[in-house]
Amino acid sequence: VIESTAKGATSGNYYVNLKWNDNSDDESGFEILQATGSTDNFSVI
């Protein structure tokens, strides 16, 4: 889910704050993928 979208008071940059359920106990990490404009161009960011 997207918990919030906020603009940094100092930087002026926008932040999309994500939250999820971790269902595994053997991951070494996660990969967040982003696409802009459509769902055809996801890449790990």
All heavy atoms as atom14 arrays in JSON, in Angstrom:
{
  "sequence": "VIESTAKGATSGNYYVNLKWNDNSDDESGFEILQATGSTDNFSVI",
  "atom14_mask": [
    [1, 1, 1, 1, 1, 1, 1, 0, 0, 0, 0, 0, 0, 0],
    [1, 1, 1, 1, 1, 1, 1, 1, 0, 0, 0, 0, 0, 0],
    [1, 1, 1, 1, 1, 1, 1, 1, 1, 0, 0, 0, 0, 0],
    [1, 1, 1, 1, 1, 1, 0, 0, 0, 0, 0, 0, 0, 0],
    [1, 1, 1, 1, 1, 1, 1, 0, 0, 0, 0, 0, 0, 0],
    [1, 1, 1, 1, 1, 0, 0, 0, 0, 0, 0, 0, 0, 0],
    [1, 1, 1, 1, 1, 1, 1, 1, 1, 0, 0, 0, 0, 0],
    [1, 1, 1, 1, 0, 0, 0, 0, 0, 0, 0, 0, 0, 0],
    [1, 1, 1, 1, 1, 0, 0, 0, 0, 0, 0, 0, 0, 0],
    [1, 1, 1, 1, 1, 1, 1, 0, 0, 0, 0, 0, 0, 0],
    [1, 1, 1, 1, 1, 1, 0, 0, 0, 0, 0, 0, 0, 0],
    [1, 1, 1, 1, 0, 0, 0, 0, 0, 0, 0, 0, 0, 0],
    [1, 1, 1, 1, 1, 1, 1, 1, 0, 0, 0, 0, 0, 0],
    [1, 1, 1, 1, 1, 1, 1, 1, 1, 1, 1, 1, 0, 0],
    [1, 1, 1, 1, 1, 1, 1, 1, 1, 1, 1, 1, 0, 0],
    [1, 1, 1, 1, 1, 1, 1, 0, 0, 0, 0, 0, 0, 0],
    [1, 1, 1, 1, 1, 1, 1, 1, 0, 0, 0, 0, 0, 0],
    [1, 1, 1, 1, 1, 1, 1, 1, 0, 0, 0, 0, 0, 0],
    [1, 1, 1, 1, 1, 1, 1, 1, 1, 0, 0, 0, 0, 0],
    [1, 1, 1, 1, 1, 1, 1, 1, 1, 1, 1, 1, 1, 1],
    [1, 1, 1, 1, 1, 1, 1, 1, 0, 0, 0, 0, 0, 0],
    [1, 1, 1, 1, 1, 1, 1, 1, 0, 0, 0, 0, 0, 0],
    [1, 1, 1, 1, 1, 1, 1, 1, 0, 0, 0, 0, 0, 0],
    [1, 1, 1, 1, 1, 1, 0, 0, 0, 0, 0, 0, 0, 0],
    [1, 1, 1, 1, 1, 1, 1, 1, 0, 0, 0, 0, 0, 0],
    [1, 1, 1, 1, 1, 1, 1, 1, 0, 0, 0, 0, 0, 0],
    [1, 1, 1, 1, 1, 1, 1, 1, 1, 0, 0, 0, 0, 0],
    [1, 1, 1, 1, 1, 1, 0, 0, 0, 0, 0, 0, 0, 0],
    [1, 1, 1, 1, 0, 0, 0, 0, 0, 0, 0, 0, 0, 0],
    [1, 1, 1, 1, 1, 1, 1, 1, 1, 1, 1, 0, 0, 0],
    [1, 1, 1, 1, 1, 1, 1, 1, 1, 0, 0, 0, 0, 0],
    [1, 1, 1, 1, 1, 1, 1, 1, 0, 0, 0, 0, 0, 0],
    [1, 1, 1, 1, 1, 1, 1, 1, 0, 0, 0, 0, 0, 0],
    [1, 1, 1, 1, 1, 1, 1, 1, 1, 0, 0, 0, 0, 0],
    [1, 1, 1, 1, 1, 0, 0, 0, 0, 0, 0, 0, 0, 0],
    [1, 1, 1, 1, 1, 1, 1, 0, 0, 0, 0, 0, 0, 0],
    [1, 1, 1, 1, 0, 0, 0, 0, 0, 0, 0, 0, 0, 0],
    [1, 1, 1, 1, 1, 1, 0, 0, 0, 0, 0, 0, 0, 0],
    [1, 1, 1, 1, 1, 1, 1, 0, 0, 0, 0, 0, 0, 0],
    [1, 1, 1, 1, 1, 1, 1, 1, 0, 0, 0, 0, 0, 0],
    [1, 1, 1, 1, 1, 1, 1, 1, 0, 0, 0, 0, 0, 0],
    [1, 1, 1, 1, 1, 1, 1, 1, 1, 1, 1, 0, 0, 0],
    [1, 1, 1, 1, 1, 1, 0, 0, 0, 0, 0, 0, 0, 0],
    [1, 1, 1, 1, 1, 1, 1, 0, 0, 0, 0, 0, 0, 0],
    [1, 1, 1, 1, 1, 1, 1, 1, 0, 0, 0, 0, 0, 0]
  ],
  "atom14_positions": [
    [[0.85, -1.19, 0.0], [0.0, 0.0, 0.0], [0.89, 1.24, 0.0], [2.06, 1.19, 0.38], [-0.94, 0.04, 1.22], [-1.91, -1.11, 1.21], [-0.15, 0.06, 2.52], [0.0, 0.0, 0.0], [0.0, 0.0, 0.0], [0.0, 0.0, 0.0], [0.0, 0.0, 0.0], [0.0, 0.0, 0.0], [0.0, 0.0, 0.0], [0.0, 0.0, 0.0]],
    [[0.29, 2.36, -0.46], [0.94, 3.67, -0.34], [0.38, 4.33, 0.91], [-0.8, 4.69, 0.96], [0.69, 4.54, -1.58], [1.34, 3.89, -2.81], [1.22, 5.95, -1.38], [1.05, 4.61, -4.11], [0.0, 0.0, 0.0], [0.0, 0.0, 0.0], [0.0, 0.0, 0.0], [0.0, 0.0, 0.0], [0.0, 0.0, 0.0], [0.0, 0.0, 0.0]],
    [[1.21, 4.42, 1.92], [0.74, 5.02, 3.18], [0.55, 6.52, 3.06], [-0.39, 7.08, 3.6], [1.75, 4.73, 4.3], [1.59, 3.38, 4.94], [2.11, 3.4, 6.37], [3.28, 3.76, 6.56], [1.34, 3.03, 7.27], [0.0, 0.0, 0.0], [0.0, 0.0, 0.0], [0.0, 0.0, 0.0], [0.0, 0.0, 0.0], [0.0, 0.0, 0.0]],
    [[1.43, 7.19, 2.34], [1.33, 8.64, 2.19], [2.23, 9.11, 1.07], [3.13, 8.39, 0.63], [1.72, 9.35, 3.49], [3.09, 9.13, 3.8], [0.0, 0.0, 0.0], [0.0, 0.0, 0.0], [0.0, 0.0, 0.0], [0.0, 0.0, 0.0], [0.0, 0.0, 0.0], [0.0, 0.0, 0.0], [0.0, 0.0, 0.0], [0.0, 0.0, 0.0]],
    [[1.95, 10.31, 0.6], [2.85, 11.02, -0.32], [3.13, 12.37, 0.3], [2.21, 13.1, 0.63], [2.2, 11.18, -1.71], [1.89, 9.89, -2.24], [3.14, 11.89, -2.66], [0.0, 0.0, 0.0], [0.0, 0.0, 0.0], [0.0, 0.0, 0.0], [0.0, 0.0, 0.0], [0.0, 0.0, 0.0], [0.0, 0.0, 0.0], [0.0, 0.0, 0.0]],
    [[4.4, 12.7, 0.48], [4.74, 13.93, 1.19], [5.88, 14.64, 0.48], [6.69, 14.03, -0.22], [5.16, 13.61, 2.62], [0.0, 0.0, 0.0], [0.0, 0.0, 0.0], [0.0, 0.0, 0.0], [0.0, 0.0, 0.0], [0.0, 0.0, 0.0], [0.0, 0.0, 0.0], [0.0, 0.0, 0.0], [0.0, 0.0, 0.0], [0.0, 0.0, 0.0]],
    [[5.9, 15.97, 0.67], [6.96, 16.79, 0.1], [7.93, 17.16, 1.21], [7.52, 17.65, 2.27], [6.38, 18.06, -0.52], [7.4, 18.93, -1.23], [6.74, 20.13, -1.87], [7.76, 20.99, -2.62], [7.13, 22.18, -3.26], [0.0, 0.0, 0.0], [0.0, 0.0, 0.0], [0.0, 0.0, 0.0], [0.0, 0.0, 0.0], [0.0, 0.0, 0.0]],
    [[9.21, 16.93, 1.0], [10.21, 17.25, 2.0], [10.27, 18.74, 2.26], [10.34, 19.54, 1.32], [0.0, 0.0, 0.0], [0.0, 0.0, 0.0], [0.0, 0.0, 0.0], [0.0, 0.0, 0.0], [0.0, 0.0, 0.0], [0.0, 0.0, 0.0], [0.0, 0.0, 0.0], [0.0, 0.0, 0.0], [0.0, 0.0, 0.0], [0.0, 0.0, 0.0]],
    [[10.24, 19.13, 3.53], [10.21, 20.55, 3.88], [11.5, 21.25, 3.48], [11.5, 22.43, 3.13], [9.98, 20.69, 5.39], [0.0, 0.0, 0.0], [0.0, 0.0, 0.0], [0.0, 0.0, 0.0], [0.0, 0.0, 0.0], [0.0, 0.0, 0.0], [0.0, 0.0, 0.0], [0.0, 0.0, 0.0], [0.0, 0.0, 0.0], [0.0, 0.0, 0.0]],
    [[12.61, 20.54, 3.53], [13.9, 21.15, 3.2], [14.3, 20.88, 1.76], [14.67, 21.8, 1.03], [14.99, 20.6, 4.14], [14.62, 20.86, 5.49], [16.33, 21.27, 3.85], [0.0, 0.0, 0.0], [0.0, 0.0, 0.0], [0.0, 0.0, 0.0], [0.0, 0.0, 0.0], [0.0, 0.0, 0.0], [0.0, 0.0, 0.0], [0.0, 0.0, 0.0]],
    [[14.22, 19.63, 1.34], [14.69, 19.26, 0.0], [13.75, 19.7, -1.1], [14.17, 19.94, -2.23], [14.87, 17.73, -0.08], [13.59, 17.09, -0.02], [0.0, 0.0, 0.0], [0.0, 0.0, 0.0], [0.0, 0.0, 0.0], [0.0, 0.0, 0.0], [0.0, 0.0, 0.0], [0.0, 0.0, 0.0], [0.0, 0.0, 0.0], [0.0, 0.0, 0.0]],
    [[12.44, 19.77, -0.79], [11.46, 20.06, -1.84], [11.14, 18.86, -2.7], [10.35, 18.96, -3.63], [0.0, 0.0, 0.0], [0.0, 0.0, 0.0], [0.0, 0.0, 0.0], [0.0, 0.0, 0.0], [0.0, 0.0, 0.0], [0.0, 0.0, 0.0], [0.0, 0.0, 0.0], [0.0, 0.0, 0.0], [0.0, 0.0, 0.0], [0.0, 0.0, 0.0]],
    [[11.74, 17.69, -2.4], [11.47, 16.48, -3.16], [10.21, 15.8, -2.64], [9.85, 15.93, -1.48], [12.64, 15.5, -3.07], [13.87, 16.01, -3.79], [13.77, 16.84, -4.67], [15.04, 15.51, -3.4], [0.0, 0.0, 0.0], [0.0, 0.0, 0.0], [0.0, 0.0, 0.0], [0.0, 0.0, 0.0], [0.0, 0.0, 0.0], [0.0, 0.0, 0.0]],
    [[9.55, 15.07, -3.53], [8.35, 14.31, -3.17], [8.73, 12.87, -2.82], [9.57, 12.26, -3.49], [7.35, 14.32, -4.32], [6.69, 15.67, -4.52], [7.33, 16.69, -5.22], [5.42, 15.92, -4.01], [6.74, 17.92, -5.4], [4.82, 17.15, -4.18], [5.48, 18.15, -4.88], [4.88, 19.38, -5.04], [0.0, 0.0, 0.0], [0.0, 0.0, 0.0]],
    [[8.08, 12.32, -1.79], [8.34, 10.97, -1.33], [7.05, 10.16, -1.33], [6.03, 10.61, -0.79], [8.94, 10.97, 0.08], [10.33, 11.54, 0.13], [10.53, 12.91, 0.19], [11.45, 10.72, 0.09], [11.81, 13.45, 0.23], [12.72, 11.24, 0.13], [12.91, 12.61, 0.18], [14.16, 13.14, 0.21], [0.0, 0.0, 0.0], [0.0, 0.0, 0.0]],
    [[7.09, 8.98, -1.95], [5.98, 8.03, -1.89], [6.36, 6.99, -0.84], [7.34, 6.24, -1.01], [5.74, 7.35, -3.25], [4.62, 6.33, -3.14], [5.4, 8.4, -4.31], [0.0, 0.0, 0.0], [0.0, 0.0, 0.0], [0.0, 0.0, 0.0], [0.0, 0.0, 0.0], [0.0, 0.0, 0.0], [0.0, 0.0, 0.0], [0.0, 0.0, 0.0]],
    [[5.61, 6.93, 0.23], [5.94, 6.04, 1.36], [5.15, 4.74, 1.25], [3.92, 4.74, 1.36], [5.62, 6.77, 2.67], [6.49, 8.01, 2.84], [7.71, 7.93, 2.77], [5.87, 9.15, 3.05], [0.0, 0.0, 0.0], [0.0, 0.0, 0.0], [0.0, 0.0, 0.0], [0.0, 0.0, 0.0], [0.0, 0.0, 0.0], [0.0, 0.0, 0.0]],
    [[5.87, 3.65, 0.99], [5.28, 2.33, 0.78], [5.3, 1.5, 2.06], [6.18, 1.66, 2.91], [6.05, 1.57, -0.31], [6.15, 2.25, -1.68], [7.05, 1.42, -2.6], [4.78, 2.45, -2.3], [0.0, 0.0, 0.0], [0.0, 0.0, 0.0], [0.0, 0.0, 0.0], [0.0, 0.0, 0.0], [0.0, 0.0, 0.0], [0.0, 0.0, 0.0]],
    [[4.33, 0.58, 2.15], [4.29, -0.37, 3.28], [3.77, -1.7, 2.75], [2.92, -1.73, 1.86], [3.38, 0.16, 4.39], [3.4, -0.68, 5.65], [2.54, -0.03, 6.75], [2.59, -0.87, 8.02], [1.77, -0.26, 9.11], [0.0, 0.0, 0.0], [0.0, 0.0, 0.0], [0.0, 0.0, 0.0], [0.0, 0.0, 0.0], [0.0, 0.0, 0.0]],
    [[4.27, -2.83, 3.32], [3.86, -4.15, 2.85], [3.97, -5.18, 3.98], [4.57, -4.92, 5.03], [4.73, -4.59, 1.66], [6.2, -4.71, 1.98], [6.86, -5.82, 2.45], [7.19, -3.69, 1.88], [8.19, -5.55, 2.63], [8.44, -4.25, 2.3], [7.16, -2.34, 1.48], [9.6, -3.51, 2.32], [8.34, -1.61, 1.51], [9.54, -2.19, 1.92]],
    [[3.43, -6.36, 3.73], [3.56, -7.49, 4.66], [4.74, -8.36, 4.21], [4.81, -8.78, 3.05], [2.3, -8.35, 4.68], [1.13, -7.64, 5.33], [1.32, -6.67, 6.06], [-0.07, -8.13, 5.09], [0.0, 0.0, 0.0], [0.0, 0.0, 0.0], [0.0, 0.0, 0.0], [0.0, 0.0, 0.0], [0.0, 0.0, 0.0], [0.0, 0.0, 0.0]],
    [[5.63, -8.67, 5.14], [6.77, -9.57, 4.9], [6.32, -10.99, 5.26], [6.13, -11.3, 6.44], [7.96, -9.13, 5.74], [9.14, -10.09, 5.61], [9.1, -10.98, 4.74], [10.08, -9.94, 6.42], [0.0, 0.0, 0.0], [0.0, 0.0, 0.0], [0.0, 0.0, 0.0], [0.0, 0.0, 0.0], [0.0, 0.0, 0.0], [0.0, 0.0, 0.0]],
    [[6.15, -11.85, 4.25], [5.62, -13.2, 4.48], [6.7, -14.28, 4.52], [6.38, -15.46, 4.66], [4.6, -13.54, 3.39], [3.41, -12.6, 3.42], [2.9, -12.28, 4.5], [2.96, -12.15, 2.24], [0.0, 0.0, 0.0], [0.0, 0.0, 0.0], [0.0, 0.0, 0.0], [0.0, 0.0, 0.0], [0.0, 0.0, 0.0], [0.0, 0.0, 0.0]],
    [[7.95, -13.91, 4.37], [9.02, -14.91, 4.31], [9.97, -14.72, 5.49], [10.02, -13.65, 6.12], [9.8, -14.78, 3.0], [10.42, -13.51, 2.91], [0.0, 0.0, 0.0], [0.0, 0.0, 0.0], [0.0, 0.0, 0.0], [0.0, 0.0, 0.0], [0.0, 0.0, 0.0], [0.0, 0.0, 0.0], [0.0, 0.0, 0.0], [0.0, 0.0, 0.0]],
    [[10.7, -15.8, 5.8], [11.7, -15.72, 6.87], [13.09, -16.06, 6.36], [14.02, -16.24, 7.14], [11.31, -16.62, 8.04], [11.16, -18.09, 7.62], [11.51, -18.41, 6.47], [10.68, -18.89, 8.44], [0.0, 0.0, 0.0], [0.0, 0.0, 0.0], [0.0, 0.0, 0.0], [0.0, 0.0, 0.0], [0.0, 0.0, 0.0], [0.0, 0.0, 0.0]],
    [[13.21, -16.16, 5.04], [14.5, -16.55, 4.48], [14.97, -15.6, 3.37], [15.86, -15.94, 2.61], [14.44, -17.98, 3.94], [13.36, -18.16, 2.88], [12.53, -17.22, 2.7], [13.32, -19.23, 2.24], [0.0, 0.0, 0.0], [0.0, 0.0, 0.0], [0.0, 0.0, 0.0], [0.0, 0.0, 0.0], [0.0, 0.0, 0.0], [0.0, 0.0, 0.0]],
    [[14.36, -14.4, 3.29], [14.83, -13.45, 2.28], [16.12, -12.79, 2.74], [16.38, -12.64, 3.95], [13.77, -12.38, 1.99], [13.71, -11.22, 2.98], [12.83, -11.52, 4.17], [12.34, -12.65, 4.29], [12.63, -10.6, 5.0], [0.0, 0.0, 0.0], [0.0, 0.0, 0.0], [0.0, 0.0, 0.0], [0.0, 0.0, 0.0], [0.0, 0.0, 0.0]],
    [[16.92, -12.42, 1.77], [18.12, -11.63, 2.07], [17.86, -10.14, 1.88], [18.7, -9.3, 2.23], [19.28, -12.06, 1.16], [18.93, -11.9, -0.2], [0.0, 0.0, 0.0], [0.0, 0.0, 0.0], [0.0, 0.0, 0.0], [0.0, 0.0, 0.0], [0.0, 0.0, 0.0], [0.0, 0.0, 0.0], [0.0, 0.0, 0.0], [0.0, 0.0, 0.0]],
    [[16.72, -9.84, 1.3], [16.33, -8.45, 1.08], [15.13, -8.38, 0.17], [14.47, -9.4, -0.12], [0.0, 0.0, 0.0], [0.0, 0.0, 0.0], [0.0, 0.0, 0.0], [0.0, 0.0, 0.0], [0.0, 0.0, 0.0], [0.0, 0.0, 0.0], [0.0, 0.0, 0.0], [0.0, 0.0, 0.0], [0.0, 0.0, 0.0], [0.0, 0.0, 0.0]],
    [[14.81, -7.18, -0.27], [13.67, -6.95, -1.16], [14.11, -6.13, -2.36], [15.16, -5.48, -2.34], [12.54, -6.21, -0.43], [11.88, -7.01, 0.65], [12.33, -6.94, 1.97], [10.81, -7.85, 0.36], [11.73, -7.68, 2.96], [10.2, -8.59, 1.36], [10.66, -8.51, 2.66], [0.0, 0.0, 0.0], [0.0, 0.0, 0.0], [0.0, 0.0, 0.0]],
    [[13.3, -6.19, -3.4], [13.49, -5.32, -4.56], [12.2, -4.55, -4.8], [11.13, -5.15, -4.97], [13.84, -6.13, -5.8], [15.2, -6.81, -5.74], [15.53, -7.61, -6.99], [14.59, -7.92, -7.77], [16.72, -7.92, -7.18], [0.0, 0.0, 0.0], [0.0, 0.0, 0.0], [0.0, 0.0, 0.0], [0.0, 0.0, 0.0], [0.0, 0.0, 0.0]],
    [[12.3, -3.21, -4.78], [11.16, -2.36, -5.13], [11.29, -1.99, -6.58], [12.33, -1.5, -7.03], [11.1, -1.1, -4.24], [10.86, -1.49, -2.78], [10.0, -0.15, -4.72], [10.92, -0.31, -1.82], [0.0, 0.0, 0.0], [0.0, 0.0, 0.0], [0.0, 0.0, 0.0], [0.0, 0.0, 0.0], [0.0, 0.0, 0.0], [0.0, 0.0, 0.0]],
    [[10.22, -2.21, -7.33], [10.2, -1.92, -8.76], [9.24, -0.74, -9.01], [8.16, -0.67, -8.43], [9.77, -3.13, -9.58], [10.7, -4.36, -9.48], [10.22, -5.3, -8.36], [10.75, -5.1, -10.82], [0.0, 0.0, 0.0], [0.0, 0.0, 0.0], [0.0, 0.0, 0.0], [0.0, 0.0, 0.0], [0.0, 0.0, 0.0], [0.0, 0.0, 0.0]],
    [[9.66, 0.14, -9.9], [8.87, 1.33, -10.23], [8.68, 1.43, -11.73], [9.57, 1.09, -12.51], [9.57, 2.59, -9.72], [8.9, 3.9, -10.11], [9.71, 5.1, -9.65], [9.94, 5.3, -8.46], [10.17, 5.9, -10.6], [0.0, 0.0, 0.0], [0.0, 0.0, 0.0], [0.0, 0.0, 0.0], [0.0, 0.0, 0.0], [0.0, 0.0, 0.0]],
    [[7.49, 1.91, -12.12], [7.22, 2.22, -13.53], [6.52, 3.57, -13.57], [5.81, 3.94, -12.63], [6.34, 1.15, -14.16], [0.0, 0.0, 0.0], [0.0, 0.0, 0.0], [0.0, 0.0, 0.0], [0.0, 0.0, 0.0], [0.0, 0.0, 0.0], [0.0, 0.0, 0.0], [0.0, 0.0, 0.0], [0.0, 0.0, 0.0], [0.0, 0.0, 0.0]],
    [[6.71, 4.32, -14.64], [6.08, 5.63, -14.77], [5.23, 5.66, -16.03], [5.63, 5.17, -17.08], [7.14, 6.75, -14.85], [8.04, 6.49, -15.92], [7.91, 6.85, -13.55], [0.0, 0.0, 0.0], [0.0, 0.0, 0.0], [0.0, 0.0, 0.0], [0.0, 0.0, 0.0], [0.0, 0.0, 0.0], [0.0, 0.0, 0.0], [0.0, 0.0, 0.0]],
    [[4.05, 6.22, -15.87], [3.17, 6.4, -17.02], [2.37, 5.18, -17.42], [1.26, 5.29, -17.91], [0.0, 0.0, 0.0], [0.0, 0.0, 0.0], [0.0, 0.0, 0.0], [0.0, 0.0, 0.0], [0.0, 0.0, 0.0], [0.0, 0.0, 0.0], [0.0, 0.0, 0.0], [0.0, 0.0, 0.0], [0.0, 0.0, 0.0], [0.0, 0.0, 0.0]],
    [[2.94, 3.97, -17.23], [2.26, 2.73, -17.55], [2.93, 1.61, -16.77], [3.96, 1.81, -16.13], [2.31, 2.44, -19.06], [3.58, 1.95, -19.42], [0.0, 0.0, 0.0], [0.0, 0.0, 0.0], [0.0, 0.0, 0.0], [0.0, 0.0, 0.0], [0.0, 0.0, 0.0], [0.0, 0.0, 0.0], [0.0, 0.0, 0.0], [0.0, 0.0, 0.0]],
    [[2.35, 0.41, -16.85], [2.94, -0.73, -16.14], [3.83, -1.56, -17.07], [4.11, -2.73, -16.8], [1.83, -1.62, -15.56], [0.95, -2.01, -16.62], [1.05, -0.88, -14.49], [0.0, 0.0, 0.0], [0.0, 0.0, 0.0], [0.0, 0.0, 0.0], [0.0, 0.0, 0.0], [0.0, 0.0, 0.0], [0.0, 0.0, 0.0], [0.0, 0.0, 0.0]],
    [[4.32, -0.95, -18.15], [5.14, -1.68, -19.12], [6.63, -1.49, -18.91], [7.44, -2.07, -19.65], [4.79, -1.24, -20.55], [3.35, -1.57, -20.92], [2.82, -2.55, -20.36], [2.77, -0.84, -21.75], [0.0, 0.0, 0.0], [0.0, 0.0, 0.0], [0.0, 0.0, 0.0], [0.0, 0.0, 0.0], [0.0, 0.0, 0.0], [0.0, 0.0, 0.0]],
    [[7.02, -0.68, -17.96], [8.45, -0.33, -17.87], [8.99, -0.43, -16.45], [9.77, 0.42, -16.01], [8.69, 1.07, -18.43], [7.84, 2.13, -17.73], [7.04, 1.83, -16.84], [8.02, 3.38, -18.12], [0.0, 0.0, 0.0], [0.0, 0.0, 0.0], [0.0, 0.0, 0.0], [0.0, 0.0, 0.0], [0.0, 0.0, 0.0], [0.0, 0.0, 0.0]],
    [[8.58, -1.48, -15.72], [9.08, -1.66, -14.35], [10.58, -1.9, -14.33], [11.13, -2.62, -15.18], [8.39, -2.85, -13.67], [7.07, -2.49, -13.04], [5.87, -2.91, -13.6], [7.03, -1.75, -11.87], [4.66, -2.6, -13.01], [5.83, -1.43, -11.27], [4.64, -1.85, -11.84], [0.0, 0.0, 0.0], [0.0, 0.0, 0.0], [0.0, 0.0, 0.0]],
    [[11.24, -1.31, -13.37], [12.67, -1.58, -13.13], [12.93, -1.46, -11.64], [12.21, -0.77, -10.91], [13.56, -0.61, -13.91], [13.32, 0.72, -13.49], [0.0, 0.0, 0.0], [0.0, 0.0, 0.0], [0.0, 0.0, 0.0], [0.0, 0.0, 0.0], [0.0, 0.0, 0.0], [0.0, 0.0, 0.0], [0.0, 0.0, 0.0], [0.0, 0.0, 0.0]],
    [[13.96, -2.15, -11.19], [14.31, -2.13, -9.77], [14.95, -0.79, -9.44], [15.91, -0.35, -10.09], [15.28, -3.28, -9.42], [15.73, -3.16, -7.96], [14.63, -4.63, -9.68], [0.0, 0.0, 0.0], [0.0, 0.0, 0.0], [0.0, 0.0, 0.0], [0.0, 0.0, 0.0], [0.0, 0.0, 0.0], [0.0, 0.0, 0.0], [0.0, 0.0, 0.0]],
    [[14.4, -0.11, -8.41], [14.95, 1.2, -8.05], [15.51, 1.22, -6.63], [16.36, 2.05, -6.32], [13.88, 2.3, -8.18], [12.65, 1.97, -7.33], [13.52, 2.54, -9.64], [11.72, 3.15, -7.15], [0.0, 0.0, 0.0], [0.0, 0.0, 0.0], [0.0, 0.0, 0.0], [0.0, 0.0, 0.0], [0.0, 0.0, 0.0], [0.0, 0.0, 0.0]]
  ]
}
